[in-house]
């Protein structure tokens, strides 16, 4: 039971890590300083973790990584849309 609680806490913390950056990006329309390579690596990594979660049938791994990958994709889109001319 304790290990599930730790897993849920870890999933929550890592999954919501990009949310403050998304909020700030929407408010300021400025995401120039966000590293595109970091976002790409994180998106690919979390996608791979989600596949791994599917192979194990572990919903914590699956949902946490799908959510994280989604937030990273949102940041990538913001980087494209808010690009300074």
Protein backbone atom coordinates (compact mmCIF):
# COMPACT_ATOMS: atom_id res chain seq x y z
CA UNK A 1 0.00 0.00 0.00
CA UNK A 2 2.80 2.43 0.86
CA UNK A 3 4.49 1.82 -2.48
CA UNK A 4 1.23 2.68 -4.32
CA UNK A 5 0.98 5.94 -2.39
CA UNK A 6 4.58 6.77 -3.29
CA UNK A 7 3.85 5.90 -6.94
CA UNK A 8 0.77 8.14 -6.95
CA UNK A 9 2.68 11.00 -5.35
CA UNK A 10 5.55 10.62 -7.84
CA UNK A 11 3.09 10.47 -10.75
CA UNK A 12 1.27 13.59 -9.57
CA UNK A 13 4.44 15.62 -9.00
CA UNK A 14 6.15 14.70 -12.26
CA UNK A 15 2.96 14.95 -14.30
CA UNK A 16 2.10 18.43 -13.12
CA UNK A 17 5.65 19.75 -13.40
CA UNK A 18 5.04 21.55 -16.70
CA UNK A 19 1.66 23.04 -15.73
CA UNK A 20 3.12 26.22 -14.15
CA UNK A 21 5.12 26.85 -17.34
CA UNK A 22 1.98 26.42 -19.45
CA UNK A 23 0.05 28.85 -17.26
CA UNK A 24 2.87 31.40 -17.40
CA UNK A 25 3.13 30.93 -21.17
CA UNK A 26 -0.58 31.58 -21.66
CA UNK A 27 -0.39 34.67 -19.45
CA UNK A 28 2.73 36.20 -21.02
CA UNK A 29 2.64 34.63 -24.50
CA UNK A 30 6.40 34.25 -24.02
CA UNK A 31 8.03 30.80 -24.11
CA UNK A 32 11.25 31.72 -25.91
CA UNK A 33 13.40 30.55 -23.00
CA UNK A 34 11.82 27.09 -22.89
CA UNK A 35 14.21 24.60 -24.48
CA UNK A 36 12.67 22.83 -27.47
CA UNK A 37 15.17 19.94 -27.18
CA UNK A 38 14.18 19.39 -23.55
CA UNK A 39 10.55 19.26 -24.60
CA UNK A 40 11.24 16.83 -27.46
CA UNK A 41 13.29 14.50 -25.24
CA UNK A 42 10.66 14.62 -22.51
CA UNK A 43 7.81 13.97 -24.95
CA UNK A 44 9.56 10.97 -26.48
CA UNK A 45 10.58 9.67 -23.05
CA UNK A 46 7.11 9.94 -21.57
CA UNK A 47 5.60 8.34 -24.68
CA UNK A 48 7.98 5.40 -24.23
CA UNK A 49 7.08 5.18 -20.53
CA UNK A 50 3.39 5.10 -21.46
CA UNK A 51 4.03 2.20 -23.86
CA UNK A 52 5.92 0.43 -21.08
CA UNK A 53 2.99 1.07 -18.74
CA UNK A 54 0.62 -0.49 -21.28
CA UNK A 55 2.86 -3.58 -21.46
CA UNK A 56 2.63 -3.91 -17.68
CA UNK A 57 -1.03 -2.93 -17.47
CA UNK A 58 -0.06 -0.29 -14.88
CA UNK A 59 -2.58 2.56 -14.96
CA UNK A 60 -0.42 4.85 -12.81
CA UNK A 61 2.43 4.69 -15.31
CA UNK A 62 0.09 4.95 -18.29
CA UNK A 63 -1.98 7.93 -17.10
CA UNK A 64 0.90 9.87 -15.58
CA UNK A 65 2.96 9.65 -18.74
CA UNK A 66 0.10 10.35 -21.13
CA UNK A 67 -0.74 13.47 -19.10
CA UNK A 68 2.91 14.57 -18.96
CA UNK A 69 3.38 13.97 -22.69
CA UNK A 70 0.24 16.03 -23.35
CA UNK A 71 1.52 18.98 -21.30
CA UNK A 72 4.84 18.84 -23.13
CA UNK A 73 3.08 18.82 -26.51
CA UNK A 74 1.05 21.86 -25.40
CA UNK A 75 4.30 23.68 -24.56
CA UNK A 76 5.77 22.72 -27.95
CA UNK A 77 2.69 24.09 -29.69
CA UNK A 78 2.91 27.28 -27.62
CA UNK A 79 6.54 27.64 -28.69
CA UNK A 80 5.45 27.45 -32.32
CA UNK A 81 2.40 29.69 -31.95
CA UNK A 82 4.05 32.36 -29.77
CA UNK A 83 7.26 32.50 -31.77
CA UNK A 84 8.57 36.05 -32.02
CA UNK A 85 8.90 37.34 -35.58
